[in-house]
Structure formats: C-alpha cells, structure tokens
Amino acid sequence: MTTTHSDIPSVLQRIVATKIEEVKKAQEVLSLENLQAKVAADNKPRRGFAQALRAISTEENGIGIIAEIKKASPSKGVINHNFAPALFAQQYEQAGASCLSVLTDRDYFQGDDSYLIQAANTSSLPILRKDFMIDEYQIYQSYLMGADCILLIMACLDDEQVQELHALSIKLGMDVLIEVHTKAELERALQLPRSDHNIYGINNRDLNTFDVDLQTTLDLKNILLEALATDADGTAQKPLIVTESGIHSSGDIRLMLEQGIQHFLIGEQFMKTDHPGQALQSLLAGSAADG
C-alpha cells in the first residue's frame, strides 16, 4: 500500500495523540476526583494575566510582551543549551515583560511542569501554561501548578471540548488565551462566551506545517476587531489580541503597532541567546527608538 502525504499525521495530530495518553497515565497516579479535591483546597489567588495586558492597552503604543521560557521545539530542536527557568523568569521581569509563558510539554518541547512552578516561585509576573489542552484534567493541573492563564488551541479542539475547557478555566479564575490560525478557527472561537478573561491569540505559525507568516495576524485582526467591537450590552470595548510566532525585530513590533496590535508572545528570539532578559530589553529599547 502506498503512503501519501495526507496519510502522514501532522505534528499537531501526533501531539494530541500523545496528550491523550499523558492524561490517561496521570489519572492512574492521581484520579480526577482527588485532583479536584486538591484544587478545592488551594486558595492561592491568580495574578491577573489579562489584567496585565489590559493595562498596556491603555498606553499609546504600549508594548505588552509575553516572554516565553522554552527549551526546544519540534522544528528547531534544542534552542537553549543553558536552560534555567527560574533565572530566565527573573531576567524577563527585570527587563520589562508584562507576562510569562512557560512550555510544559515534555515530548515535543522538552518542557516540564516544574519549569512553570520554578518561574511562579521566582517571579511576580502572571504566567501562561503553554501546552496542548485537550482534557479538563489538564485545567485542574494547571491551576495547581500556579498558572494564571491557560492556552486553548482551536486547531486541536472541537466545539464541545473548547466550550467545556473555557468554562472550567474561567470558573477556576484563570484567564484563557484562545489561539487561532485561520478564519474558520476564528469564527469558531467567536462562538465562545464573551468574558474579561478572554485573550485572542493569532498564531502566525501553521501548527501542521510549522511555516510562519506575519500576514496571518494582519488578515485576521480586522475580522476579530469588527466582531468584538461591542460587548453583550452594546458597550464599546477593545479585545485583547496577541500576535504569536515570527516576531524577530523592532521592525516587526512597529508593523504590528501600526495595525493596533500591542501584545506579543515571543520565545525563540529570546531563548536562542545566552541572556534572554537582555534580548528582551534590547528589543523593547529598539522598538521605542523606532517610535
């Protein structure tokens, strides 16, 4: 039998299959019921991820950086060979990041849950758990780790799943970064209930091919802005929009600012250096100078 390109699972499909197995194994160690009990007994307040970004939105040409702590990726392999999550979290905070993003996926990004915990213990910045959420078990896990925001990727969730995970995250007090890459995914994301906890991430990277194109953000942001121009009672609002992947220079920052995009999730550009905090500081300084 001949294998065609369409028969080969995409990276995203392989990741989702791995996540299903991960959740199954985790539940054998700690049941969902016992995990829920641990969450119920935890009273640590969340640190307001969306709130931190919203504060930037009130500043003219304010730049909100979600600085990512990421050791490796499927497309690039190991990015940072002197990986130190706690140190990087401190550097990012000192350099002016608004929030942090920590990769916890083990098999594809060489991440770990402990990296998020280390970052949360050494920085006061709100933290996104960057992983592939496909089950409510992971939402409860994220809460216990100290995550302030979780990621929901429309490309790997059906409508029922995303509604369930979105509702649970908000119930627990966490913000939600709702990630889209295509118009169809955006239209599905817009069916989710409006909430101050919602953040809309436009990923310039195609998670099936890993190709990157900044035009993706430019194409989708107008649809998003028009759809969310008013909230449920007709009050004007400005939705939180984050552009993700492919931001490498102050010129890229200026391009997005000119289009009204003030929030950026950046990882690889910082992590490929020996001092991610300095890389962030330089990018912010260059973007301010350009302005």
C-alpha atoms as a PDB file:
ATOM      1  CA  MET A   1       0.000   0.000   0.000  1.00  0.00           C
ATOM      2  CA  THR A   2       1.370   3.398  -0.994  1.00  0.00           C
ATOM      3  CA  THR A   3       1.524   6.069   1.710  1.00  0.00           C
ATOM      4  CA  THR A   4       0.508   9.557   0.580  1.00  0.00           C
ATOM      5  CA  HIS A   5       1.290  12.850   2.282  1.00  0.00           C
ATOM      6  CA  SER A   6      -2.287  13.065   3.574  1.00  0.00           C
ATOM      7  CA  ASP A   7      -1.852   9.714   5.365  1.00  0.00           C
ATOM      8  CA  ILE A   8       1.038  11.032   7.484  1.00  0.00           C
ATOM      9  CA  PRO A   9      -0.163  12.563  10.779  1.00  0.00           C
ATOM     10  CA  SER A  10       0.754  16.216  11.199  1.00  0.00           C
ATOM     11  CA  VAL A  11       2.900  17.325  14.129  1.00  0.00           C
ATOM     12  CA  LEU A  12      -0.241  18.639  15.824  1.00  0.00           C
ATOM     13  CA  GLN A  13      -2.081  15.330  15.388  1.00  0.00           C
ATOM     14  CA  ARG A  14       0.845  13.464  16.908  1.00  0.00           C
ATOM     15  CA  ILE A  15       0.978  15.883  19.828  1.00  0.00           C
ATOM     16  CA  VAL A  16      -2.748  15.485  20.539  1.00  0.00           C
ATOM     17  CA  ALA A  17      -2.417  11.689  20.485  1.00  0.00           C
ATOM     18  CA  THR A  18       0.444  11.967  22.974  1.00  0.00           C
ATOM     19  CA  LYS A  19      -1.607  14.238  25.235  1.00  0.00           C
ATOM     20  CA  ILE A  20      -4.462  11.736  25.374  1.00  0.00           C
ATOM     21  CA  GLU A  21      -2.007   9.104  26.627  1.00  0.00           C
ATOM     22  CA  GLU A  22      -0.420  11.562  29.073  1.00  0.00           C
ATOM     23  CA  VAL A  23      -3.756  12.354  30.692  1.00  0.00           C
ATOM     24  CA  LYS A  24      -4.653   8.673  30.908  1.00  0.00           C
ATOM     25  CA  LYS A  25      -1.376   7.854  32.686  1.00  0.00           C
ATOM     26  CA  ALA A  26      -1.666  10.851  35.023  1.00  0.00           C
ATOM     27  CA  GLN A  27      -5.143   9.746  36.102  1.00  0.00           C
ATOM     28  CA  GLU A  28      -3.759   6.334  37.025  1.00  0.00           C
ATOM     29  CA  VAL A  29      -1.455   8.081  39.504  1.00  0.00           C
ATOM     30  CA  LEU A  30      -3.937  10.703  40.744  1.00  0.00           C
ATOM     31  CA  SER A  31      -7.634  10.400  39.953  1.00  0.00           C
ATOM     32  CA  LEU A  32      -9.640  13.326  38.627  1.00  0.00           C
ATOM     33  CA  GLU A  33     -11.675  13.343  41.841  1.00  0.00           C
ATOM     34  CA  ASN A  34      -8.553  13.585  44.020  1.00  0.00           C
ATOM     35  CA  LEU A  35      -7.099  16.252  41.745  1.00  0.00           C
ATOM     36  CA  GLN A  36     -10.323  18.269  42.049  1.00  0.00           C
ATOM     37  CA  ALA A  37     -10.136  17.933  45.836  1.00  0.00           C
ATOM     38  CA  LYS A  38      -6.602  19.346  45.807  1.00  0.00           C
ATOM     39  CA  VAL A  39      -7.787  22.296  43.715  1.00  0.00           C
ATOM     40  CA  ALA A  40     -10.720  22.913  46.065  1.00  0.00           C
ATOM     41  CA  ALA A  41      -8.296  23.097  48.996  1.00  0.00           C
ATOM     42  CA  ASP A  42      -5.983  25.529  47.197  1.00  0.00           C
ATOM     43  CA  ASN A  43      -6.766  29.188  47.776  1.00  0.00           C
ATOM     44  CA  LYS A  44      -3.844  30.923  46.102  1.00  0.00           C
ATOM     45  CA  PRO A  45      -5.116  33.959  44.155  1.00  0.00           C
ATOM     46  CA  ARG A  46      -4.435  34.252  40.427  1.00  0.00           C
ATOM     47  CA  ARG A  47      -2.202  37.088  39.270  1.00  0.00           C
ATOM     48  CA  GLY A  48      -4.330  38.602  36.527  1.00  0.00           C
ATOM     49  CA  PHE A  49      -2.796  37.724  33.152  1.00  0.00           C
ATOM     50  CA  ALA A  50      -5.455  39.519  31.090  1.00  0.00           C
ATOM     51  CA  GLN A  51      -5.409  42.433  33.523  1.00  0.00           C
ATOM     52  CA  ALA A  52      -1.662  42.913  32.999  1.00  0.00           C
ATOM     53  CA  LEU A  53      -2.147  43.026  29.224  1.00  0.00           C
ATOM     54  CA  ARG A  54      -5.167  45.308  29.507  1.00  0.00           C
ATOM     55  CA  ALA A  55      -3.060  47.835  31.424  1.00  0.00           C
ATOM     56  CA  ILE A  56      -0.740  48.034  28.407  1.00  0.00           C
ATOM     57  CA  SER A  57      -3.701  48.575  26.076  1.00  0.00           C
ATOM     58  CA  THR A  58      -4.433  51.906  27.760  1.00  0.00           C
ATOM     59  CA  GLU A  59      -1.000  53.257  26.788  1.00  0.00           C
ATOM     60  CA  GLU A  60      -0.482  54.771  23.370  1.00  0.00           C
ATOM     61  CA  ASN A  61       1.989  52.482  21.579  1.00  0.00           C
ATOM     62  CA  GLY A  62       2.331  50.472  24.783  1.00  0.00           C
ATOM     63  CA  ILE A  63       4.080  47.157  24.171  1.00  0.00           C
ATOM     64  CA  GLY A  64       2.993  44.097  26.116  1.00  0.00           C
ATOM     65  CA  ILE A  65       5.461  41.232  25.886  1.00  0.00           C
ATOM     66  CA  ILE A  66       4.541  37.708  26.940  1.00  0.00           C
ATOM     67  CA  ALA A  67       8.091  36.397  27.267  1.00  0.00           C
ATOM     68  CA  GLU A  68       8.389  32.672  26.782  1.00  0.00           C
ATOM     69  CA  ILE A  69      10.530  30.140  28.609  1.00  0.00           C
ATOM     70  CA  LYS A  70      11.096  27.338  26.108  1.00  0.00           C
ATOM     71  CA  LYS A  71      13.975  24.881  25.873  1.00  0.00           C
ATOM     72  CA  ALA A  72      13.249  23.283  22.494  1.00  0.00           C
ATOM     73  CA  SER A  73      10.731  22.951  19.666  1.00  0.00           C
ATOM     74  CA  PRO A  74       9.828  20.232  17.146  1.00  0.00           C
ATOM     75  CA  SER A  75      11.091  22.361  14.257  1.00  0.00           C
ATOM     76  CA  LYS A  76      14.349  23.697  15.783  1.00  0.00           C
ATOM     77  CA  GLY A  77      15.355  21.067  18.339  1.00  0.00           C
ATOM     78  CA  VAL A  78      17.130  22.410  21.433  1.00  0.00           C
ATOM     79  CA  ILE A  79      17.054  26.208  21.356  1.00  0.00           C
ATOM     80  CA  ASN A  80      18.737  26.988  24.660  1.00  0.00           C
ATOM     81  CA  HIS A  81      21.531  24.734  25.942  1.00  0.00           C
ATOM     82  CA  ASN A  82      21.952  26.634  29.236  1.00  0.00           C
ATOM     83  CA  PHE A  83      18.307  26.370  30.206  1.00  0.00           C
ATOM     84  CA  ALA A  84      17.440  27.921  33.596  1.00  0.00           C
ATOM     85  CA  PRO A  85      13.690  28.610  34.009  1.00  0.00           C
ATOM     86  CA  ALA A  86      13.883  30.405  37.354  1.00  0.00           C
ATOM     87  CA  LEU A  87      16.735  32.657  36.212  1.00  0.00           C
ATOM     88  CA  PHE A  88      15.031  33.462  32.918  1.00  0.00           C
ATOM     89  CA  ALA A  89      11.787  34.349  34.715  1.00  0.00           C
ATOM     90  CA  GLN A  90      13.692  36.837  36.869  1.00  0.00           C
ATOM     91  CA  GLN A  91      15.516  38.263  33.853  1.00  0.00           C
ATOM     92  CA  TYR A  92      12.289  38.740  31.919  1.00  0.00           C
ATOM     93  CA  GLU A  93      10.611  40.516  34.804  1.00  0.00           C
ATOM     94  CA  GLN A  94      13.557  42.867  35.286  1.00  0.00           C
ATOM     95  CA  ALA A  95      13.676  43.558  31.529  1.00  0.00           C
ATOM     96  CA  GLY A  96      10.057  44.715  31.352  1.00  0.00           C
ATOM     97  CA  ALA A  97       7.953  41.715  30.318  1.00  0.00           C
ATOM     98  CA  SER A  98       4.246  42.007  31.085  1.00  0.00           C
ATOM     99  CA  CYS A  99       3.673  38.272  31.479  1.00  0.00           C
ATOM    100  CA  LEU A 100       5.451  34.939  31.138  1.00  0.00           C
ATOM    101  CA  SER A 101       4.710  31.852  29.064  1.00  0.00           C
ATOM    102  CA  VAL A 102       6.217  28.530  30.137  1.00  0.00           C
ATOM    103  CA  LEU A 103       6.314  25.430  27.932  1.00  0.00           C
ATOM    104  CA  THR A 104       5.416  22.337  29.946  1.00  0.00           C
ATOM    105  CA  ASP A 105       5.114  19.798  27.104  1.00  0.00           C
ATOM    106  CA  ARG A 106       7.775  17.122  27.591  1.00  0.00           C
ATOM    107  CA  ASP A 107       7.852  15.010  24.436  1.00  0.00           C
ATOM    108  CA  TYR A 108       7.971  17.725  21.776  1.00  0.00           C
ATOM    109  CA  PHE A 109       9.310  20.848  23.546  1.00  0.00           C
ATOM    110  CA  GLN A 110      11.434  19.265  26.310  1.00  0.00           C
ATOM    111  CA  GLY A 111       9.356  21.157  28.847  1.00  0.00           C
ATOM    112  CA  ASP A 112       8.248  20.150  32.318  1.00  0.00           C
ATOM    113  CA  ASP A 113       5.602  21.124  34.865  1.00  0.00           C
ATOM    114  CA  SER A 114       8.382  22.009  37.297  1.00  0.00           C
ATOM    115  CA  TYR A 115       9.566  24.796  34.981  1.00  0.00           C
ATOM    116  CA  LEU A 116       6.301  26.666  35.485  1.00  0.00           C
ATOM    117  CA  ILE A 117       6.438  26.134  39.232  1.00  0.00           C
ATOM    118  CA  GLN A 118      10.013  27.471  39.326  1.00  0.00           C
ATOM    119  CA  ALA A 119       9.001  30.544  37.335  1.00  0.00           C
ATOM    120  CA  ALA A 120       5.984  31.172  39.563  1.00  0.00           C
ATOM    121  CA  ASN A 121       8.150  30.951  42.677  1.00  0.00           C
ATOM    122  CA  THR A 122      10.786  33.393  41.439  1.00  0.00           C
ATOM    123  CA  SER A 123       8.733  35.995  39.550  1.00  0.00           C
ATOM    124  CA  SER A 124       5.629  38.006  40.346  1.00  0.00           C
ATOM    125  CA  LEU A 125       4.545  38.135  36.692  1.00  0.00           C
ATOM    126  CA  PRO A 126       1.342  36.342  35.602  1.00  0.00           C
ATOM    127  CA  ILE A 127       2.095  33.038  33.859  1.00  0.00           C
ATOM    128  CA  LEU A 128       0.564  31.206  30.914  1.00  0.00           C
ATOM    129  CA  ARG A 129       0.860  27.429  30.916  1.00  0.00           C
ATOM    130  CA  LYS A 130       1.863  26.772  27.311  1.00  0.00           C
ATOM    131  CA  ASP A 131       0.738  23.267  26.489  1.00  0.00           C
ATOM    132  CA  PHE A 132      -1.831  21.416  24.428  1.00  0.00           C
ATOM    133  CA  MET A 133      -5.045  21.277  26.455  1.00  0.00           C
ATOM    134  CA  ILE A 134      -7.449  18.532  25.448  1.00  0.00           C
ATOM    135  CA  ASP A 135      -8.981  17.437  28.769  1.00  0.00           C
ATOM    136  CA  GLU A 136     -10.382  19.023  31.939  1.00  0.00           C
ATOM    137  CA  TYR A 137      -7.760  17.126  33.951  1.00  0.00           C
ATOM    138  CA  GLN A 138      -5.081  19.418  32.484  1.00  0.00           C
ATOM    139  CA  ILE A 139      -7.012  22.529  33.515  1.00  0.00           C
ATOM    140  CA  TYR A 140      -7.051  21.425  37.149  1.00  0.00           C
ATOM    141  CA  GLN A 141      -3.358  20.514  36.871  1.00  0.00           C
ATOM    142  CA  SER A 142      -2.571  23.976  35.524  1.00  0.00           C
ATOM    143  CA  TYR A 143      -4.335  25.623  38.437  1.00  0.00           C
ATOM    144  CA  LEU A 144      -2.338  23.634  40.991  1.00  0.00           C
ATOM    145  CA  MET A 145       0.933  24.480  39.226  1.00  0.00           C
ATOM    146  CA  GLY A 146       0.159  28.164  39.728  1.00  0.00           C
ATOM    147  CA  ALA A 147      -0.829  29.045  36.165  1.00  0.00           C
ATOM    148  CA  ASP A 148      -2.770  32.285  35.782  1.00  0.00           C
ATOM    149  CA  CYS A 149      -3.769  31.620  32.180  1.00  0.00           C
ATOM    150  CA  ILE A 150      -4.192  28.539  30.020  1.00  0.00           C
ATOM    151  CA  LEU A 151      -3.962  28.057  26.268  1.00  0.00           C
ATOM    152  CA  LEU A 152      -6.821  26.694  24.166  1.00  0.00           C
ATOM    153  CA  ILE A 153      -5.746  25.939  20.588  1.00  0.00           C
ATOM    154  CA  MET A 154      -8.745  25.872  18.287  1.00  0.00           C
ATOM    155  CA  ALA A 155      -6.870  23.660  15.793  1.00  0.00           C
ATOM    156  CA  CYS A 156      -6.798  20.730  18.212  1.00  0.00           C
ATOM    157  CA  LEU A 157     -10.197  21.083  19.910  1.00  0.00           C
ATOM    158  CA  ASP A 158     -13.748  20.518  18.734  1.00  0.00           C
ATOM    159  CA  ASP A 159     -16.507  22.958  19.694  1.00  0.00           C
ATOM    160  CA  GLU A 160     -17.743  20.910  22.654  1.00  0.00           C
ATOM    161  CA  GLN A 161     -14.239  20.497  24.074  1.00  0.00           C
ATOM    162  CA  VAL A 162     -13.335  24.157  23.794  1.00  0.00           C
ATOM    163  CA  GLN A 163     -16.609  25.265  25.409  1.00  0.00           C
ATOM    164  CA  GLU A 164     -16.046  22.897  28.333  1.00  0.00           C
ATOM    165  CA  LEU A 165     -12.401  23.815  28.908  1.00  0.00           C
ATOM    166  CA  HIS A 166     -13.089  27.539  28.501  1.00  0.00           C
ATOM    167  CA  ALA A 167     -15.904  27.454  31.070  1.00  0.00           C
ATOM    168  CA  LEU A 168     -13.879  25.447  33.583  1.00  0.00           C
ATOM    169  CA  SER A 169     -10.827  27.706  33.305  1.00  0.00           C
ATOM    170  CA  ILE A 170     -12.914  30.805  33.966  1.00  0.00           C
ATOM    171  CA  LYS A 171     -14.744  29.089  36.831  1.00  0.00           C
ATOM    172  CA  LEU A 172     -11.360  28.496  38.460  1.00  0.00           C
ATOM    173  CA  GLY A 173     -10.405  32.146  37.944  1.00  0.00           C
ATOM    174  CA  MET A 174      -7.846  31.648  35.195  1.00  0.00           C
ATOM    175  CA  ASP A 175      -7.636  33.679  32.013  1.00  0.00           C
ATOM    176  CA  VAL A 176      -7.771  31.969  28.616  1.00  0.00           C
ATOM    177  CA  LEU A 177      -5.580  32.566  25.579  1.00  0.00           C
ATOM    178  CA  ILE A 178      -7.751  31.375  22.683  1.00  0.00           C
ATOM    179  CA  GLU A 179      -5.440  30.610  19.786  1.00  0.00           C
ATOM    180  CA  VAL A 180      -6.434  30.725  16.111  1.00  0.00           C
ATOM    181  CA  HIS A 181      -4.555  30.487  12.824  1.00  0.00           C
ATOM    182  CA  THR A 182      -7.310  30.578  10.183  1.00  0.00           C
ATOM    183  CA  LYS A 183     -10.543  32.431   9.544  1.00  0.00           C
ATOM    184  CA  ALA A 184     -12.512  29.240  10.185  1.00  0.00           C
ATOM    185  CA  GLU A 185     -10.840  28.786  13.575  1.00  0.00           C
ATOM    186  CA  LEU A 186     -11.502  32.426  14.427  1.00  0.00           C
ATOM    187  CA  GLU A 187     -15.188  32.095  13.578  1.00  0.00           C
ATOM    188  CA  ARG A 188     -15.399  29.093  15.902  1.00  0.00           C
ATOM    189  CA  ALA A 189     -13.550  30.970  18.658  1.00  0.00           C
ATOM    190  CA  LEU A 190     -16.036  33.823  18.406  1.00  0.00           C
ATOM    191  CA  GLN A 191     -18.786  31.420  19.455  1.00  0.00           C
ATOM    192  CA  LEU A 192     -17.290  31.227  22.944  1.00  0.00           C
ATOM    193  CA  PRO A 193     -18.952  33.349  25.636  1.00  0.00           C
ATOM    194  CA  ARG A 194     -17.627  36.884  25.906  1.00  0.00           C
ATOM    195  CA  SER A 195     -15.572  37.376  29.049  1.00  0.00           C
ATOM    196  CA  ASP A 196     -12.957  39.696  30.530  1.00  0.00           C
ATOM    197  CA  HIS A 197     -10.896  36.506  30.890  1.00  0.00           C
ATOM    198  CA  ASN A 198     -10.670  36.079  27.092  1.00  0.00           C
ATOM    199  CA  ILE A 199      -7.457  36.843  25.212  1.00  0.00           C
ATOM    200  CA  TYR A 200      -7.320  36.145  21.478  1.00  0.00           C
ATOM    201  CA  GLY A 201      -4.038  34.821  20.169  1.00  0.00           C
ATOM    202  CA  ILE A 202      -3.344  34.869  16.423  1.00  0.00           C
ATOM    203  CA  ASN A 203      -0.609  32.356  15.716  1.00  0.00           C
ATOM    204  CA  ASN A 204       1.422  33.205  12.641  1.00  0.00           C
ATOM    205  CA  ARG A 205       2.761  29.641  12.688  1.00  0.00           C
ATOM    206  CA  ASP A 206       0.789  26.879  10.984  1.00  0.00           C
ATOM    207  CA  LEU A 207       0.905  24.085  13.572  1.00  0.00           C
ATOM    208  CA  ASN A 208       0.576  21.444  10.883  1.00  0.00           C
ATOM    209  CA  THR A 209       3.491  22.606   8.718  1.00  0.00           C
ATOM    210  CA  PHE A 210       5.280  24.971  11.170  1.00  0.00           C
ATOM    211  CA  ASP A 211       5.520  27.619   8.420  1.00  0.00           C
ATOM    212  CA  VAL A 212       5.368  31.221   9.702  1.00  0.00           C
ATOM    213  CA  ASP A 213       3.757  34.273   8.060  1.00  0.00           C
ATOM    214  CA  LEU A 214       3.086  37.563   9.899  1.00  0.00           C
ATOM    215  CA  GLN A 215       0.360  38.321   7.358  1.00  0.00           C
ATOM    216  CA  THR A 216      -1.824  35.888   9.293  1.00  0.00           C
ATOM    217  CA  THR A 217      -2.221  38.403  12.115  1.00  0.00           C
ATOM    218  CA  LEU A 218      -2.873  41.261   9.715  1.00  0.00           C
ATOM    219  CA  ASP A 219      -5.538  39.247   7.866  1.00  0.00           C
ATOM    220  CA  LEU A 220      -7.416  38.057  10.952  1.00  0.00           C
ATOM    221  CA  LYS A 221      -7.242  41.008  13.346  1.00  0.00           C
ATOM    222  CA  ASN A 222      -9.790  43.127  11.437  1.00  0.00           C
ATOM    223  CA  ILE A 223     -12.340  40.299  11.496  1.00  0.00           C
ATOM    224  CA  LEU A 224     -11.768  39.933  15.204  1.00  0.00           C
ATOM    225  CA  LEU A 225     -11.989  43.650  15.931  1.00  0.00           C
ATOM    226  CA  GLU A 226     -15.211  44.017  13.958  1.00  0.00           C
ATOM    227  CA  ALA A 227     -16.812  41.002  15.623  1.00  0.00           C
ATOM    228  CA  LEU A 228     -15.880  42.190  19.119  1.00  0.00           C
ATOM    229  CA  ALA A 229     -16.408  45.914  18.635  1.00  0.00           C
ATOM    230  CA  THR A 230     -19.089  45.889  21.328  1.00  0.00           C
ATOM    231  CA  ASP A 231     -19.807  43.649  24.273  1.00  0.00           C
ATOM    232  CA  ALA A 232     -23.139  41.995  25.090  1.00  0.00           C
ATOM    233  CA  ASP A 233     -24.801  45.206  26.338  1.00  0.00           C
ATOM    234  CA  GLY A 234     -23.577  47.304  23.419  1.00  0.00           C
ATOM    235  CA  THR A 235     -20.672  48.961  25.240  1.00  0.00           C
ATOM    236  CA  ALA A 236     -17.611  49.637  23.112  1.00  0.00           C
ATOM    237  CA  GLN A 237     -14.626  47.519  24.042  1.00  0.00           C
ATOM    238  CA  LYS A 238     -11.148  46.718  22.792  1.00  0.00           C
ATOM    239  CA  PRO A 239     -10.473  42.992  22.766  1.00  0.00           C
ATOM    240  CA  LEU A 240      -7.082  41.733  23.853  1.00  0.00           C
ATOM    241  CA  ILE A 241      -5.230  40.454  20.780  1.00  0.00           C
ATOM    242  CA  VAL A 242      -1.832  38.773  20.946  1.00  0.00           C
ATOM    243  CA  THR A 243       0.293  38.063  17.886  1.00  0.00           C
ATOM    244  CA  GLU A 244       2.286  34.856  18.268  1.00  0.00           C
ATOM    245  CA  SER A 245       5.357  33.493  16.451  1.00  0.00           C
ATOM    246  CA  GLY A 246       7.656  35.149  13.925  1.00  0.00           C
ATOM    247  CA  ILE A 247       8.324  38.381  15.828  1.00  0.00           C
ATOM    248  CA  HIS A 248      12.083  38.825  15.474  1.00  0.00           C
ATOM    249  CA  SER A 249      12.852  42.544  15.342  1.00  0.00           C
ATOM    250  CA  SER A 250      11.776  46.013  16.379  1.00  0.00           C
ATOM    251  CA  GLY A 251      10.538  46.409  12.793  1.00  0.00           C
ATOM    252  CA  ASP A 252       8.126  43.526  13.336  1.00  0.00           C
ATOM    253  CA  ILE A 253       6.923  45.211  16.540  1.00  0.00           C
ATOM    254  CA  ARG A 254       6.368  48.533  14.729  1.00  0.00           C
ATOM    255  CA  LEU A 255       4.459  46.803  11.925  1.00  0.00           C
ATOM    256  CA  MET A 256       2.032  45.345  14.456  1.00  0.00           C
ATOM    257  CA  LEU A 257       1.739  48.561  16.478  1.00  0.00           C
ATOM    258  CA  GLU A 258       0.763  50.402  13.303  1.00  0.00           C
ATOM    259  CA  GLN A 259      -2.057  47.870  12.925  1.00  0.00           C
ATOM    260  CA  GLY A 260      -3.220  48.330  16.518  1.00  0.00           C
ATOM    261  CA  ILE A 261      -1.629  45.158  17.874  1.00  0.00           C
ATOM    262  CA  GLN A 262       0.132  45.855  21.183  1.00  0.00           C
ATOM    263  CA  HIS A 263       0.682  42.378  22.610  1.00  0.00           C
ATOM    264  CA  PHE A 264       3.335  39.882  21.543  1.00  0.00           C
ATOM    265  CA  LEU A 265       4.169  36.329  22.571  1.00  0.00           C
ATOM    266  CA  ILE A 266       7.869  35.884  21.891  1.00  0.00           C
ATOM    267  CA  GLY A 267      10.023  32.919  22.794  1.00  0.00           C
ATOM    268  CA  GLU A 268      12.573  31.683  20.288  1.00  0.00           C
ATOM    269  CA  GLN A 269      14.020  35.137  19.579  1.00  0.00           C
ATOM    270  CA  PHE A 270      14.933  35.468  23.261  1.00  0.00           C
ATOM    271  CA  MET A 271      15.713  31.857  24.078  1.00  0.00           C
ATOM    272  CA  LYS A 272      18.333  31.401  21.369  1.00  0.00           C
ATOM    273  CA  THR A 273      20.589  33.861  23.235  1.00  0.00           C
ATOM    274  CA  ASP A 274      22.669  33.327  26.375  1.00  0.00           C
ATOM    275  CA  HIS A 275      20.780  36.082  28.197  1.00  0.00           C
ATOM    276  CA  PRO A 276      17.058  36.150  27.269  1.00  0.00           C
ATOM    277  CA  GLY A 277      16.419  39.143  29.532  1.00  0.00           C
ATOM    278  CA  GLN A 278      18.954  41.271  27.672  1.00  0.00           C
ATOM    279  CA  ALA A 279      17.436  40.219  24.358  1.00  0.00           C
ATOM    280  CA  LEU A 280      14.024  41.396  25.573  1.00  0.00           C
ATOM    281  CA  GLN A 281      15.467  44.653  26.868  1.00  0.00           C
ATOM    282  CA  SER A 282      17.177  45.322  23.535  1.00  0.00           C
ATOM    283  CA  LEU A 283      14.010  44.596  21.552  1.00  0.00           C
ATOM    284  CA  LEU A 284      11.941  46.959  23.713  1.00  0.00           C
ATOM    285  CA  ALA A 285      14.601  49.679  23.525  1.00  0.00           C
ATOM    286  CA  GLY A 286      14.825  49.311  19.739  1.00  0.00           C
ATOM    287  CA  SER A 287      11.054  49.426  19.339  1.00  0.00           C
ATOM    288  CA  ALA A 288      10.845  52.601  21.460  1.00  0.00           C
ATOM    289  CA  ALA A 289      13.637  54.201  19.426  1.00  0.00           C
ATOM    290  CA  ASP A 290      11.861  53.332  16.189  1.00  0.00           C
ATOM    291  CA  GLY A 291       8.771  55.050  17.505  1.00  0.00           C
END
